[in-house]
Amino acid sequence: MKLLPIKFIDRFATQANGLNANVLKGLHDSRIDLAELQAGTECFEV
């Protein structure tokens, strides 16, 4: 499981209809979540 910052989860909740599996996979595979974790952002496991 990847950890994603709360702000990304909030965005997913509001834009879920506009996202598809490829977009979500791209975000999961990106380093954005790692950068936020290193910055100390509180995260949820998804």
N, C-alpha and C. Protein backbone atom coordinates (compact mmCIF):
# COMPACT_ATOMS: atom_id res chain seq x y z
N MET A 1 0.83 -1.20 0.00
CA MET A 1 0.00 0.00 0.00
C MET A 1 0.87 1.25 0.00
N LYS A 2 0.44 2.25 -0.76
CA LYS A 2 1.15 3.53 -0.79
C LYS A 2 0.48 4.49 0.18
N LEU A 3 1.25 5.43 0.69
CA LEU A 3 0.69 6.49 1.51
C LEU A 3 0.51 7.73 0.65
N LEU A 4 -0.64 8.34 0.75
CA LEU A 4 -0.91 9.57 0.01
C LEU A 4 -1.31 10.66 0.98
N PRO A 5 -0.83 11.88 0.73
CA PRO A 5 -1.19 13.00 1.60
C PRO A 5 -2.69 13.25 1.62
N ILE A 6 -3.17 13.81 2.74
CA ILE A 6 -4.59 14.08 2.90
C ILE A 6 -5.13 14.95 1.76
N LYS A 7 -4.35 15.95 1.34
CA LYS A 7 -4.86 16.84 0.29
C LYS A 7 -5.12 16.10 -1.01
N PHE A 8 -4.31 15.08 -1.30
CA PHE A 8 -4.56 14.30 -2.50
C PHE A 8 -5.81 13.44 -2.34
N ILE A 9 -6.00 12.87 -1.16
CA ILE A 9 -7.19 12.07 -0.91
C ILE A 9 -8.44 12.93 -1.02
N ASP A 10 -8.38 14.14 -0.48
CA ASP A 10 -9.52 15.06 -0.61
C ASP A 10 -9.80 15.36 -2.07
N ARG A 11 -8.75 15.55 -2.86
CA ARG A 11 -8.93 15.82 -4.28
C ARG A 11 -9.56 14.61 -4.97
N PHE A 12 -9.11 13.40 -4.60
CA PHE A 12 -9.69 12.19 -5.18
C PHE A 12 -11.18 12.11 -4.86
N ALA A 13 -11.54 12.46 -3.64
CA ALA A 13 -12.94 12.37 -3.23
C ALA A 13 -13.81 13.32 -4.04
N THR A 14 -13.29 14.49 -4.37
CA THR A 14 -14.10 15.48 -5.09
C THR A 14 -14.05 15.31 -6.61
N GLN A 15 -13.00 14.63 -7.11
CA GLN A 15 -12.83 14.49 -8.56
C GLN A 15 -12.87 13.04 -9.02
N ALA A 16 -13.40 12.16 -8.15
CA ALA A 16 -13.36 10.72 -8.44
C ALA A 16 -13.95 10.40 -9.81
N ASN A 17 -15.03 11.07 -10.18
CA ASN A 17 -15.67 10.76 -11.46
C ASN A 17 -14.78 11.11 -12.64
N GLY A 18 -13.83 12.02 -12.45
CA GLY A 18 -12.95 12.42 -13.54
C GLY A 18 -11.66 11.62 -13.62
N LEU A 19 -11.45 10.71 -12.66
CA LEU A 19 -10.21 9.94 -12.63
C LEU A 19 -10.45 8.54 -13.15
N ASN A 20 -9.39 7.97 -13.73
CA ASN A 20 -9.48 6.58 -14.17
C ASN A 20 -8.29 5.81 -13.61
N ALA A 21 -8.26 4.52 -13.84
CA ALA A 21 -7.22 3.67 -13.25
C ALA A 21 -5.82 4.12 -13.66
N ASN A 22 -5.66 4.56 -14.89
CA ASN A 22 -4.33 4.99 -15.34
C ASN A 22 -3.86 6.23 -14.60
N VAL A 23 -4.78 7.17 -14.36
CA VAL A 23 -4.42 8.38 -13.62
C VAL A 23 -4.02 8.02 -12.19
N LEU A 24 -4.82 7.19 -11.54
CA LEU A 24 -4.51 6.79 -10.18
C LEU A 24 -3.19 6.03 -10.12
N LYS A 25 -2.96 5.14 -11.08
CA LYS A 25 -1.70 4.40 -11.10
C LYS A 25 -0.53 5.35 -11.28
N GLY A 26 -0.69 6.33 -12.15
CA GLY A 26 0.37 7.31 -12.35
C GLY A 26 0.70 8.07 -11.07
N LEU A 27 -0.32 8.46 -10.32
CA LEU A 27 -0.09 9.16 -9.06
C LEU A 27 0.56 8.24 -8.04
N HIS A 28 0.11 6.99 -7.99
CA HIS A 28 0.72 6.03 -7.06
C HIS A 28 2.18 5.79 -7.39
N ASP A 29 2.50 5.79 -8.68
CA ASP A 29 3.88 5.52 -9.11
C ASP A 29 4.76 6.76 -9.04
N SER A 30 4.17 7.92 -8.82
CA SER A 30 4.94 9.16 -8.81
C SER A 30 5.68 9.32 -7.50
N ARG A 31 6.54 10.34 -7.46
CA ARG A 31 7.30 10.63 -6.24
C ARG A 31 6.63 11.72 -5.42
N ILE A 32 5.45 12.19 -5.86
CA ILE A 32 4.77 13.28 -5.16
C ILE A 32 4.48 12.88 -3.70
N ASP A 33 3.96 11.65 -3.52
CA ASP A 33 3.64 11.21 -2.16
C ASP A 33 4.89 11.13 -1.30
N LEU A 34 6.01 10.69 -1.87
CA LEU A 34 7.25 10.60 -1.11
C LEU A 34 7.73 11.99 -0.70
N ALA A 35 7.62 12.95 -1.61
CA ALA A 35 8.04 14.31 -1.28
C ALA A 35 7.20 14.87 -0.14
N GLU A 36 5.89 14.61 -0.17
CA GLU A 36 5.01 15.10 0.89
C GLU A 36 5.31 14.40 2.22
N LEU A 37 5.58 13.09 2.15
CA LEU A 37 5.93 12.37 3.37
C LEU A 37 7.21 12.93 3.98
N GLN A 38 8.19 13.20 3.15
CA GLN A 38 9.46 13.73 3.64
C GLN A 38 9.27 15.12 4.22
N ALA A 39 8.25 15.83 3.73
CA ALA A 39 7.96 17.17 4.25
C ALA A 39 7.15 17.11 5.55
N GLY A 40 6.75 15.90 5.96
CA GLY A 40 6.05 15.74 7.22
C GLY A 40 4.55 15.83 7.12
N THR A 41 4.00 15.71 5.92
CA THR A 41 2.56 15.77 5.75
C THR A 41 1.91 14.53 6.35
N GLU A 42 0.85 14.72 7.12
CA GLU A 42 0.12 13.59 7.67
C GLU A 42 -0.56 12.82 6.53
N CYS A 43 -0.49 11.50 6.59
CA CYS A 43 -1.00 10.71 5.49
C CYS A 43 -1.95 9.61 5.96
N PHE A 44 -2.77 9.17 5.02
CA PHE A 44 -3.62 8.00 5.22
C PHE A 44 -3.09 6.88 4.35
N GLU A 45 -3.27 5.65 4.79
CA GLU A 45 -2.94 4.52 3.94
C GLU A 45 -4.13 4.22 3.05
N VAL A 46 -3.88 4.06 1.74
CA VAL A 46 -4.96 3.81 0.79
C VAL A 46 -4.67 2.56 -0.01
